[in-house]
Amino acid sequence: MKKFSVVIAAILLVCMVFSVACQKEDEGSKNNFGKELLTYSSQLDALNGLKKGDADIAVIDSVMAGYYMNDTDSFKDYQVLENVVLAEEKYGIAAKKGNDALMSKINEALISLVDTDYKTIAATYGLTTELLVKADTKNPLEAASDESWNKVVTAKKIVVGYTLFAPIAYNEGDGENAVLKGFDIDLAKAVVNYLNTKYEAEIAVEFMIIDWNSKEALLENGTIDLVWNGMTITPEREAGMSISVPYLANKQVAVIAKANSEKYKSANYDEFVKATKDAVIVVEKGSAGEGVVVPSEE
C-alpha cells in the first residue's frame, strides 16, 4: 500500500509539473509575437537591456531608433529590422482631462509657429519629415473656456513631465554640467515663449522627469501640467486626457543586434512573427511598444 501511494504521488507530481510548464507556454503564447516580454522604465533602458543581453529584440519608437542607430556610437552594432513596421502612430501633448483651455493655447502656438520655430527645431534634430502640423491645421479646442489656462497664468509656471528619450528629450553632458535638450524640450520652450509674448504672461516652463507608467496619475493629481514626451495618441488616452493636435509622426520598430540580422530577417509581418517565436522582447512599461507586443483584450 505504501509503495502504491508513492507511485500515485509521483504521478501527481509529474502532472503538476506538466501543468505548470503548459501554463507558462500558454502565457508566452499570449504575446502577438515572441515567447517572453520584459518591461523596463524607459525606452533607453529597454535598449540597454537589449545591449546587455537580457532580450533579443527591443520594440521602441522609430524616432528614437533613428537617433541611436545613426547618430551615436553606443549602438553601432544594432539595427532596425527592415521590412517590419509594427505600428504607425502620431504623437500628441497631453493635459488633464477637462483642461481644454490650456490645450487650446498649446494648439494655437503650434499652429502659429509652424513656419518658424517648429520647423527650425525639427531640422536641428533631423525630424523634418515627421512633422504633422500645417499652416491650415484647425484647433479643435478653440472655443474652450475652462479655467486651466488662467490657472497656469496665475501660477506663472507650467510643469512638463518627460522621460529620457533622445532626440525627444536627453541630457547632453554629465552630472552638474548636463544640459537638457531635445525636440520636445526646445519646442515646449518655444511654445511657452510664444504664449508669454502674445498674452503678456510670465509663465516659466519647468521640466520634471517622470516614470512613464505613472503619467496619467501625475496629470490627475496635478504634479505635472503636461505630458510632452513623444506620447502616442490612442483612443484610450483621448478618452482620459485632453490631447493636442498631432504634431509628430512615429512608428513602432524592432531593434536587433546586427549579428542576428539573418535570424530575424523578414519580408513581412507574418514572417517576423514566425522568426521571433522564441525571442525575448523588451519594451518600455506603459508604452505603445508594449501595446503592439501584447494583444488587445478586445
C-alpha atoms as a PDB file:
ATOM      1  CA  MET A   1       0.000   0.000   0.000  1.00  0.00           C
ATOM      2  CA  LYS A   2       2.828   2.352   0.872  1.00  0.00           C
ATOM      3  CA  LYS A   3       4.520   1.620  -2.444  1.00  0.00           C
ATOM      4  CA  PHE A   4       1.253   2.268  -4.282  1.00  0.00           C
ATOM      5  CA  SER A   5       0.894   5.627  -2.527  1.00  0.00           C
ATOM      6  CA  VAL A   6       4.423   6.633  -3.543  1.00  0.00           C
ATOM      7  CA  VAL A   7       3.632   5.790  -7.171  1.00  0.00           C
ATOM      8  CA  ILE A   8       0.425   7.846  -7.085  1.00  0.00           C
ATOM      9  CA  ALA A   9       2.271  10.781  -5.516  1.00  0.00           C
ATOM     10  CA  ALA A  10       4.948  10.604  -8.214  1.00  0.00           C
ATOM     11  CA  ILE A  11       2.314  10.614 -10.947  1.00  0.00           C
ATOM     12  CA  LEU A  12       0.581  13.602  -9.381  1.00  0.00           C
ATOM     13  CA  LEU A  13       3.906  15.435  -9.159  1.00  0.00           C
ATOM     14  CA  VAL A  14       4.613  14.815 -12.849  1.00  0.00           C
ATOM     15  CA  CYS A  15       1.137  16.064 -13.736  1.00  0.00           C
ATOM     16  CA  MET A  16       1.653  19.213 -11.686  1.00  0.00           C
ATOM     17  CA  VAL A  17       4.985  19.930 -13.364  1.00  0.00           C
ATOM     18  CA  PHE A  18       3.445  19.317 -16.782  1.00  0.00           C
ATOM     19  CA  SER A  19       0.540  21.615 -15.911  1.00  0.00           C
ATOM     20  CA  VAL A  20       2.874  24.435 -14.841  1.00  0.00           C
ATOM     21  CA  ALA A  21       5.000  24.011 -17.963  1.00  0.00           C
ATOM     22  CA  CYS A  22       1.920  24.185 -20.157  1.00  0.00           C
ATOM     23  CA  GLN A  23       0.693  27.233 -18.275  1.00  0.00           C
ATOM     24  CA  LYS A  24       3.997  29.038 -18.880  1.00  0.00           C
ATOM     25  CA  GLU A  25       3.891  28.116 -22.535  1.00  0.00           C
ATOM     26  CA  ASP A  26       0.310  29.381 -22.791  1.00  0.00           C
ATOM     27  CA  GLU A  27       1.260  32.629 -21.054  1.00  0.00           C
ATOM     28  CA  GLY A  28       4.081  33.167 -23.536  1.00  0.00           C
ATOM     29  CA  SER A  29       1.794  32.467 -26.459  1.00  0.00           C
ATOM     30  CA  LYS A  30      -0.444  35.366 -25.398  1.00  0.00           C
ATOM     31  CA  ASN A  31       2.043  37.782 -26.950  1.00  0.00           C
ATOM     32  CA  ASN A  32       1.421  38.868 -30.518  1.00  0.00           C
ATOM     33  CA  PHE A  33       4.994  37.701 -31.118  1.00  0.00           C
ATOM     34  CA  GLY A  34       7.938  36.477 -29.084  1.00  0.00           C
ATOM     35  CA  LYS A  35       7.895  33.967 -26.226  1.00  0.00           C
ATOM     36  CA  GLU A  36       8.523  36.396 -23.352  1.00  0.00           C
ATOM     37  CA  LEU A  37       8.063  40.100 -22.663  1.00  0.00           C
ATOM     38  CA  LEU A  38      10.255  42.226 -20.391  1.00  0.00           C
ATOM     39  CA  THR A  39       9.234  45.756 -19.382  1.00  0.00           C
ATOM     40  CA  TYR A  40      11.628  48.499 -18.273  1.00  0.00           C
ATOM     41  CA  SER A  41      11.037  52.033 -17.033  1.00  0.00           C
ATOM     42  CA  SER A  42      12.143  53.811 -20.230  1.00  0.00           C
ATOM     43  CA  GLN A  43      12.882  53.137 -23.880  1.00  0.00           C
ATOM     44  CA  LEU A  44      16.556  53.848 -23.276  1.00  0.00           C
ATOM     45  CA  ASP A  45      16.548  51.228 -20.516  1.00  0.00           C
ATOM     46  CA  ALA A  46      14.929  48.831 -22.967  1.00  0.00           C
ATOM     47  CA  LEU A  47      17.695  49.456 -25.495  1.00  0.00           C
ATOM     48  CA  ASN A  48      20.337  48.993 -22.824  1.00  0.00           C
ATOM     49  CA  GLY A  49      18.635  45.760 -21.764  1.00  0.00           C
ATOM     50  CA  LEU A  50      18.979  44.532 -25.335  1.00  0.00           C
ATOM     51  CA  LYS A  51      22.622  45.543 -25.321  1.00  0.00           C
ATOM     52  CA  LYS A  52      23.255  43.674 -22.047  1.00  0.00           C
ATOM     53  CA  GLY A  53      21.757  40.507 -23.482  1.00  0.00           C
ATOM     54  CA  ASP A  54      18.572  40.497 -21.409  1.00  0.00           C
ATOM     55  CA  ALA A  55      16.480  40.298 -24.575  1.00  0.00           C
ATOM     56  CA  ASP A  56      16.711  39.509 -28.270  1.00  0.00           C
ATOM     57  CA  ILE A  57      14.582  42.363 -29.607  1.00  0.00           C
ATOM     58  CA  ALA A  58      13.699  45.848 -28.346  1.00  0.00           C
ATOM     59  CA  VAL A  59      10.464  47.399 -29.599  1.00  0.00           C
ATOM     60  CA  ILE A  60      10.785  51.198 -29.499  1.00  0.00           C
ATOM     61  CA  ASP A  61       9.787  54.359 -31.353  1.00  0.00           C
ATOM     62  CA  SER A  62      11.306  54.878 -34.792  1.00  0.00           C
ATOM     63  CA  VAL A  63      12.079  58.487 -33.817  1.00  0.00           C
ATOM     64  CA  MET A  64      14.341  57.220 -31.042  1.00  0.00           C
ATOM     65  CA  ALA A  65      15.725  54.288 -33.032  1.00  0.00           C
ATOM     66  CA  GLY A  66      16.796  56.599 -35.845  1.00  0.00           C
ATOM     67  CA  TYR A  67      18.759  58.745 -33.435  1.00  0.00           C
ATOM     68  CA  TYR A  68      20.532  55.970 -31.557  1.00  0.00           C
ATOM     69  CA  MET A  69      21.217  53.737 -34.549  1.00  0.00           C
ATOM     70  CA  ASN A  70      22.514  56.534 -36.777  1.00  0.00           C
ATOM     71  CA  ASP A  71      23.825  59.366 -34.603  1.00  0.00           C
ATOM     72  CA  THR A  72      25.619  57.631 -31.735  1.00  0.00           C
ATOM     73  CA  ASP A  73      28.342  55.008 -31.327  1.00  0.00           C
ATOM     74  CA  SER A  74      26.665  53.336 -28.356  1.00  0.00           C
ATOM     75  CA  PHE A  75      24.504  51.131 -30.558  1.00  0.00           C
ATOM     76  CA  LYS A  76      26.661  50.827 -33.671  1.00  0.00           C
ATOM     77  CA  ASP A  77      26.282  47.045 -33.508  1.00  0.00           C
ATOM     78  CA  TYR A  78      22.479  47.232 -33.592  1.00  0.00           C
ATOM     79  CA  GLN A  79      19.951  47.983 -36.302  1.00  0.00           C
ATOM     80  CA  VAL A  80      16.266  48.452 -37.003  1.00  0.00           C
ATOM     81  CA  LEU A  81      14.825  45.296 -38.542  1.00  0.00           C
ATOM     82  CA  GLU A  82      13.973  46.037 -42.148  1.00  0.00           C
ATOM     83  CA  ASN A  83      10.561  45.493 -43.764  1.00  0.00           C
ATOM     84  CA  VAL A  84       8.677  45.328 -40.462  1.00  0.00           C
ATOM     85  CA  VAL A  85       6.646  48.287 -39.177  1.00  0.00           C
ATOM     86  CA  LEU A  86       4.748  47.147 -36.105  1.00  0.00           C
ATOM     87  CA  ALA A  87       2.523  50.242 -35.880  1.00  0.00           C
ATOM     88  CA  GLU A  88       2.209  53.728 -37.342  1.00  0.00           C
ATOM     89  CA  GLU A  89       1.370  56.461 -34.857  1.00  0.00           C
ATOM     90  CA  LYS A  90       1.016  60.151 -34.144  1.00  0.00           C
ATOM     91  CA  TYR A  91       2.414  61.987 -31.139  1.00  0.00           C
ATOM     92  CA  GLY A  92       0.328  64.350 -29.031  1.00  0.00           C
ATOM     93  CA  ILE A  93       0.802  66.547 -25.953  1.00  0.00           C
ATOM     94  CA  ALA A  94      -1.471  65.697 -23.017  1.00  0.00           C
ATOM     95  CA  ALA A  95      -3.089  67.661 -20.192  1.00  0.00           C
ATOM     96  CA  LYS A  96      -5.511  66.530 -17.515  1.00  0.00           C
ATOM     97  CA  LYS A  97      -8.973  65.648 -18.821  1.00  0.00           C
ATOM     98  CA  GLY A  98     -11.051  68.829 -18.911  1.00  0.00           C
ATOM     99  CA  ASN A  99      -8.077  71.203 -19.192  1.00  0.00           C
ATOM    100  CA  ASP A 100      -9.094  72.088 -22.736  1.00  0.00           C
ATOM    101  CA  ALA A 101      -8.412  75.821 -22.475  1.00  0.00           C
ATOM    102  CA  LEU A 102      -4.760  75.131 -21.680  1.00  0.00           C
ATOM    103  CA  MET A 103      -4.505  72.645 -24.531  1.00  0.00           C
ATOM    104  CA  SER A 104      -6.212  75.105 -26.867  1.00  0.00           C
ATOM    105  CA  LYS A 105      -3.388  77.564 -26.215  1.00  0.00           C
ATOM    106  CA  ILE A 106      -0.800  74.845 -26.905  1.00  0.00           C
ATOM    107  CA  ASN A 107      -2.525  74.076 -30.206  1.00  0.00           C
ATOM    108  CA  GLU A 108      -2.684  77.764 -31.102  1.00  0.00           C
ATOM    109  CA  ALA A 109       1.044  78.169 -30.511  1.00  0.00           C
ATOM    110  CA  LEU A 110       1.992  75.075 -32.511  1.00  0.00           C
ATOM    111  CA  ILE A 111      -0.028  76.269 -35.499  1.00  0.00           C
ATOM    112  CA  SER A 112       1.309  79.821 -35.234  1.00  0.00           C
ATOM    113  CA  LEU A 113       4.928  78.585 -35.088  1.00  0.00           C
ATOM    114  CA  VAL A 114       4.544  76.168 -37.998  1.00  0.00           C
ATOM    115  CA  ASP A 115       6.801  78.095 -40.380  1.00  0.00           C
ATOM    116  CA  THR A 116       9.296  79.300 -37.768  1.00  0.00           C
ATOM    117  CA  ASP A 117      10.402  77.570 -34.554  1.00  0.00           C
ATOM    118  CA  TYR A 118       8.506  74.336 -35.261  1.00  0.00           C
ATOM    119  CA  LYS A 119      10.438  73.702 -38.498  1.00  0.00           C
ATOM    120  CA  THR A 120      13.722  75.109 -37.226  1.00  0.00           C
ATOM    121  CA  ILE A 121      13.738  72.910 -34.129  1.00  0.00           C
ATOM    122  CA  ALA A 122      12.762  69.862 -36.176  1.00  0.00           C
ATOM    123  CA  ALA A 123      15.671  70.485 -38.538  1.00  0.00           C
ATOM    124  CA  THR A 124      18.054  70.637 -35.561  1.00  0.00           C
ATOM    125  CA  TYR A 125      17.075  67.101 -34.552  1.00  0.00           C
ATOM    126  CA  GLY A 126      16.613  65.591 -38.015  1.00  0.00           C
ATOM    127  CA  LEU A 127      12.835  65.277 -37.758  1.00  0.00           C
ATOM    128  CA  THR A 128      11.606  67.418 -40.650  1.00  0.00           C
ATOM    129  CA  THR A 129       9.909  64.513 -42.463  1.00  0.00           C
ATOM    130  CA  GLU A 130       7.902  63.597 -39.334  1.00  0.00           C
ATOM    131  CA  LEU A 131       6.181  66.996 -38.900  1.00  0.00           C
ATOM    132  CA  LEU A 132       2.370  66.904 -38.910  1.00  0.00           C
ATOM    133  CA  VAL A 133       1.205  70.434 -38.043  1.00  0.00           C
ATOM    134  CA  LYS A 134       0.411  72.568 -41.090  1.00  0.00           C
ATOM    135  CA  ALA A 135      -0.477  76.222 -41.544  1.00  0.00           C
ATOM    136  CA  ASP A 136      -4.101  75.218 -42.168  1.00  0.00           C
ATOM    137  CA  THR A 137      -4.346  72.836 -39.202  1.00  0.00           C
ATOM    138  CA  LYS A 138      -7.514  73.591 -37.230  1.00  0.00           C
ATOM    139  CA  ASN A 139      -7.581  73.980 -33.460  1.00  0.00           C
ATOM    140  CA  PRO A 140     -10.453  71.726 -32.326  1.00  0.00           C
ATOM    141  CA  LEU A 141     -10.419  73.253 -28.818  1.00  0.00           C
ATOM    142  CA  GLU A 142     -10.519  76.885 -29.919  1.00  0.00           C
ATOM    143  CA  ALA A 143     -13.801  77.562 -28.086  1.00  0.00           C
ATOM    144  CA  ALA A 144     -12.695  76.016 -24.751  1.00  0.00           C
ATOM    145  CA  SER A 145     -13.482  78.265 -21.771  1.00  0.00           C
ATOM    146  CA  ASP A 146     -12.494  76.316 -18.638  1.00  0.00           C
ATOM    147  CA  GLU A 147     -10.074  77.809 -16.078  1.00  0.00           C
ATOM    148  CA  SER A 148      -6.996  75.700 -16.869  1.00  0.00           C
ATOM    149  CA  TRP A 149      -5.193  78.378 -18.898  1.00  0.00           C
ATOM    150  CA  ASN A 150      -5.933  81.081 -16.318  1.00  0.00           C
ATOM    151  CA  LYS A 151      -4.580  78.853 -13.540  1.00  0.00           C
ATOM    152  CA  VAL A 152      -1.265  78.452 -15.381  1.00  0.00           C
ATOM    153  CA  VAL A 153      -1.027  82.206 -15.959  1.00  0.00           C
ATOM    154  CA  THR A 154      -1.723  82.856 -12.282  1.00  0.00           C
ATOM    155  CA  ALA A 155       0.783  80.237 -11.116  1.00  0.00           C
ATOM    156  CA  LYS A 156       3.366  81.671 -13.530  1.00  0.00           C
ATOM    157  CA  LYS A 157       4.680  78.209 -14.308  1.00  0.00           C
ATOM    158  CA  ILE A 158       3.851  75.117 -16.282  1.00  0.00           C
ATOM    159  CA  VAL A 159       5.319  71.737 -15.326  1.00  0.00           C
ATOM    160  CA  VAL A 160       6.153  69.373 -18.185  1.00  0.00           C
ATOM    161  CA  GLY A 161       6.638  65.676 -17.480  1.00  0.00           C
ATOM    162  CA  TYR A 162       9.210  63.824 -19.574  1.00  0.00           C
ATOM    163  CA  THR A 163      11.441  60.756 -19.768  1.00  0.00           C
ATOM    164  CA  LEU A 164      14.913  60.459 -21.295  1.00  0.00           C
ATOM    165  CA  PHE A 165      14.171  59.621 -24.891  1.00  0.00           C
ATOM    166  CA  ALA A 166      16.565  61.052 -27.499  1.00  0.00           C
ATOM    167  CA  PRO A 167      16.118  63.009 -29.676  1.00  0.00           C
ATOM    168  CA  ILE A 168      12.884  63.981 -27.918  1.00  0.00           C
ATOM    169  CA  ALA A 169      14.493  64.654 -24.527  1.00  0.00           C
ATOM    170  CA  TYR A 170      18.013  63.845 -23.358  1.00  0.00           C
ATOM    171  CA  ASN A 171      20.921  65.139 -21.314  1.00  0.00           C
ATOM    172  CA  GLU A 172      23.965  66.469 -23.118  1.00  0.00           C
ATOM    173  CA  GLY A 173      26.947  66.161 -20.794  1.00  0.00           C
ATOM    174  CA  ASP A 174      27.206  64.536 -17.377  1.00  0.00           C
ATOM    175  CA  GLY A 175      26.490  65.410 -13.782  1.00  0.00           C
ATOM    176  CA  GLU A 176      26.114  69.059 -12.860  1.00  0.00           C
ATOM    177  CA  ASN A 177      27.184  70.088 -16.364  1.00  0.00           C
ATOM    178  CA  ALA A 178      24.372  68.127 -18.066  1.00  0.00           C
ATOM    179  CA  VAL A 179      22.065  70.224 -20.243  1.00  0.00           C
ATOM    180  CA  LEU A 180      18.533  69.025 -21.012  1.00  0.00           C
ATOM    181  CA  LYS A 181      17.940  69.111 -24.762  1.00  0.00           C
ATOM    182  CA  GLY A 182      15.687  67.577 -27.378  1.00  0.00           C
ATOM    183  CA  PHE A 183      12.946  68.281 -29.879  1.00  0.00           C
ATOM    184  CA  ASP A 184      10.115  68.335 -27.341  1.00  0.00           C
ATOM    185  CA  ILE A 185      12.183  70.251 -24.794  1.00  0.00           C
ATOM    186  CA  ASP A 186      13.024  73.022 -27.257  1.00  0.00           C
ATOM    187  CA  LEU A 187       9.505  73.041 -28.718  1.00  0.00           C
ATOM    188  CA  ALA A 188       7.926  73.392 -25.272  1.00  0.00           C
ATOM    189  CA  LYS A 189      10.159  76.388 -24.562  1.00  0.00           C
ATOM    190  CA  ALA A 190       9.249  77.969 -27.911  1.00  0.00           C
ATOM    191  CA  VAL A 191       5.526  77.444 -27.322  1.00  0.00           C
ATOM    192  CA  VAL A 192       5.644  78.991 -23.843  1.00  0.00           C
ATOM    193  CA  ASN A 193       7.708  81.905 -25.156  1.00  0.00           C
ATOM    194  CA  TYR A 194       5.074  82.495 -27.868  1.00  0.00           C
ATOM    195  CA  LEU A 195       2.241  82.409 -25.325  1.00  0.00           C
ATOM    196  CA  ASN A 196       4.078  84.745 -22.950  1.00  0.00           C
ATOM    197  CA  THR A 197       4.627  87.241 -25.739  1.00  0.00           C
ATOM    198  CA  LYS A 198       1.090  87.121 -27.154  1.00  0.00           C
ATOM    199  CA  TYR A 199      -0.783  87.131 -23.854  1.00  0.00           C
ATOM    200  CA  GLU A 200       1.695  89.224 -21.832  1.00  0.00           C
ATOM    201  CA  ALA A 201       2.129  86.344 -19.401  1.00  0.00           C
ATOM    202  CA  GLU A 202       5.160  85.399 -17.288  1.00  0.00           C
ATOM    203  CA  ILE A 203       4.973  81.620 -17.420  1.00  0.00           C
ATOM    204  CA  ALA A 204       8.160  79.696 -16.660  1.00  0.00           C
ATOM    205  CA  VAL A 205       8.411  76.168 -18.047  1.00  0.00           C
ATOM    206  CA  GLU A 206       9.697  73.537 -15.618  1.00  0.00           C
ATOM    207  CA  PHE A 207      10.710  70.039 -16.713  1.00  0.00           C
ATOM    208  CA  MET A 208      10.163  67.079 -14.388  1.00  0.00           C
ATOM    209  CA  ILE A 209      11.480  63.607 -15.156  1.00  0.00           C
ATOM    210  CA  ILE A 210       8.745  61.019 -14.532  1.00  0.00           C
ATOM    211  CA  ASP A 211       8.003  57.319 -14.559  1.00  0.00           C
ATOM    212  CA  TRP A 212       6.198  56.919 -17.881  1.00  0.00           C
ATOM    213  CA  ASN A 213       3.793  54.372 -16.437  1.00  0.00           C
ATOM    214  CA  SER A 214       2.642  56.982 -13.870  1.00  0.00           C
ATOM    215  CA  LYS A 215       1.944  59.816 -16.301  1.00  0.00           C
ATOM    216  CA  GLU A 216      -1.842  59.616 -16.043  1.00  0.00           C
ATOM    217  CA  ALA A 217      -1.782  59.718 -12.241  1.00  0.00           C
ATOM    218  CA  LEU A 218       0.665  62.646 -12.234  1.00  0.00           C
ATOM    219  CA  LEU A 219      -1.613  64.638 -14.542  1.00  0.00           C
ATOM    220  CA  GLU A 220      -4.658  63.776 -12.469  1.00  0.00           C
ATOM    221  CA  ASN A 221      -3.160  64.793  -9.122  1.00  0.00           C
ATOM    222  CA  GLY A 222      -1.645  68.000 -10.508  1.00  0.00           C
ATOM    223  CA  THR A 223       2.013  67.080 -10.048  1.00  0.00           C
ATOM    224  CA  ILE A 224       2.565  67.941 -13.714  1.00  0.00           C
ATOM    225  CA  ASP A 225       0.532  70.091 -16.103  1.00  0.00           C
ATOM    226  CA  LEU A 226       1.557  68.394 -19.348  1.00  0.00           C
ATOM    227  CA  VAL A 227       2.981  65.166 -20.684  1.00  0.00           C
ATOM    228  CA  TRP A 228       5.179  66.369 -23.538  1.00  0.00           C
ATOM    229  CA  ASN A 229       7.408  63.460 -24.457  1.00  0.00           C
ATOM    230  CA  GLY A 230       6.587  61.756 -27.722  1.00  0.00           C
ATOM    231  CA  MET A 231       3.306  60.349 -26.412  1.00  0.00           C
ATOM    232  CA  THR A 232       1.363  58.228 -28.892  1.00  0.00           C
ATOM    233  CA  ILE A 233      -2.257  59.281 -29.345  1.00  0.00           C
ATOM    234  CA  THR A 234      -4.643  56.369 -28.696  1.00  0.00           C
ATOM    235  CA  PRO A 235      -8.439  56.227 -28.264  1.00  0.00           C
ATOM    236  CA  GLU A 236      -7.950  55.336 -24.596  1.00  0.00           C
ATOM    237  CA  ARG A 237      -5.734  58.363 -23.994  1.00  0.00           C
ATOM    238  CA  GLU A 238      -8.097  60.642 -25.896  1.00  0.00           C
ATOM    239  CA  ALA A 239     -10.879  59.447 -23.592  1.00  0.00           C
ATOM    240  CA  GLY A 240      -8.848  60.055 -20.435  1.00  0.00           C
ATOM    241  CA  MET A 241      -6.836  63.180 -21.260  1.00  0.00           C
ATOM    242  CA  SER A 242      -7.040  66.473 -23.106  1.00  0.00           C
ATOM    243  CA  ILE A 243      -4.710  65.968 -26.084  1.00  0.00           C
ATOM    244  CA  SER A 244      -3.217  68.382 -28.594  1.00  0.00           C
ATOM    245  CA  VAL A 245      -3.390  68.212 -32.356  1.00  0.00           C
ATOM    246  CA  PRO A 246      -0.978  65.526 -33.674  1.00  0.00           C
ATOM    247  CA  TYR A 247       2.425  67.153 -34.054  1.00  0.00           C
ATOM    248  CA  LEU A 248       4.882  64.358 -34.969  1.00  0.00           C
ATOM    249  CA  ALA A 249       4.673  61.047 -36.842  1.00  0.00           C
ATOM    250  CA  ASN A 250       6.212  57.860 -35.470  1.00  0.00           C
ATOM    251  CA  LYS A 251       6.358  54.093 -35.960  1.00  0.00           C
ATOM    252  CA  GLN A 252       6.973  51.152 -33.657  1.00  0.00           C
ATOM    253  CA  VAL A 253      10.017  49.223 -34.880  1.00  0.00           C
ATOM    254  CA  ALA A 254      12.086  46.224 -33.812  1.00  0.00           C
ATOM    255  CA  VAL A 255      15.750  46.765 -32.924  1.00  0.00           C
ATOM    256  CA  ILE A 256      18.096  43.779 -33.087  1.00  0.00           C
ATOM    257  CA  ALA A 257      21.806  43.057 -32.957  1.00  0.00           C
ATOM    258  CA  LYS A 258      23.340  43.189 -36.417  1.00  0.00           C
ATOM    259  CA  ALA A 259      24.726  39.718 -35.719  1.00  0.00           C
ATOM    260  CA  ASN A 260      21.112  38.451 -35.696  1.00  0.00           C
ATOM    261  CA  SER A 261      20.035  40.126 -38.932  1.00  0.00           C
ATOM    262  CA  GLU A 262      19.744  36.844 -40.852  1.00  0.00           C
ATOM    263  CA  LYS A 263      17.999  35.078 -37.968  1.00  0.00           C
ATOM    264  CA  TYR A 264      15.202  37.657 -37.833  1.00  0.00           C
ATOM    265  CA  LYS A 265      15.216  38.619 -41.482  1.00  0.00           C
ATOM    266  CA  SER A 266      11.621  39.026 -42.652  1.00  0.00           C
ATOM    267  CA  ALA A 267       9.814  40.114 -45.782  1.00  0.00           C
ATOM    268  CA  ASN A 268       6.577  40.902 -43.922  1.00  0.00           C
ATOM    269  CA  TYR A 269       4.912  40.867 -40.520  1.00  0.00           C
ATOM    270  CA  ASP A 270       3.805  37.216 -40.672  1.00  0.00           C
ATOM    271  CA  GLU A 271       7.364  36.071 -41.323  1.00  0.00           C
ATOM    272  CA  PHE A 272       8.514  38.289 -38.456  1.00  0.00           C
ATOM    273  CA  VAL A 273       6.071  36.558 -36.095  1.00  0.00           C
ATOM    274  CA  LYS A 274       7.405  33.128 -37.099  1.00  0.00           C
ATOM    275  CA  ALA A 275      11.043  34.164 -36.861  1.00  0.00           C
ATOM    276  CA  THR A 276      10.602  35.607 -33.368  1.00  0.00           C
ATOM    277  CA  LYS A 277       8.582  32.797 -31.774  1.00  0.00           C
ATOM    278  CA  ASP A 278      11.437  32.011 -29.352  1.00  0.00           C
ATOM    279  CA  ALA A 279      12.621  35.585 -28.853  1.00  0.00           C
ATOM    280  CA  VAL A 280      12.604  37.609 -25.632  1.00  0.00           C
ATOM    281  CA  ILE A 281      11.159  41.078 -26.288  1.00  0.00           C
ATOM    282  CA  VAL A 282      11.880  44.181 -24.222  1.00  0.00           C
ATOM    283  CA  VAL A 283       9.784  47.381 -24.150  1.00  0.00           C
ATOM    284  CA  GLU A 284       9.114  50.427 -22.016  1.00  0.00           C
ATOM    285  CA  LYS A 285       6.366  49.789 -19.447  1.00  0.00           C
ATOM    286  CA  GLY A 286       3.146  51.512 -20.470  1.00  0.00           C
ATOM    287  CA  SER A 287       4.476  52.425 -23.927  1.00  0.00           C
ATOM    288  CA  ALA A 288       2.952  51.991 -27.354  1.00  0.00           C
ATOM    289  CA  GLY A 289       5.645  49.355 -27.906  1.00  0.00           C
ATOM    290  CA  GLU A 290       4.159  47.237 -25.131  1.00  0.00           C
ATOM    291  CA  GLY A 291       0.786  47.607 -26.838  1.00  0.00           C
ATOM    292  CA  VAL A 292       1.986  46.072 -30.100  1.00  0.00           C
ATOM    293  CA  VAL A 293       3.586  43.099 -28.328  1.00  0.00           C
ATOM    294  CA  VAL A 294       0.671  42.324 -26.011  1.00  0.00           C
ATOM    295  CA  PRO A 295      -2.617  41.573 -27.792  1.00  0.00           C
ATOM    296  CA  SER A 296      -5.670  43.748 -27.224  1.00  0.00           C
ATOM    297  CA  GLU A 297      -8.213  42.484 -24.711  1.00  0.00           C
ATOM    298  CA  GLU A 298     -10.970  43.102 -27.231  1.00  0.00           C
END
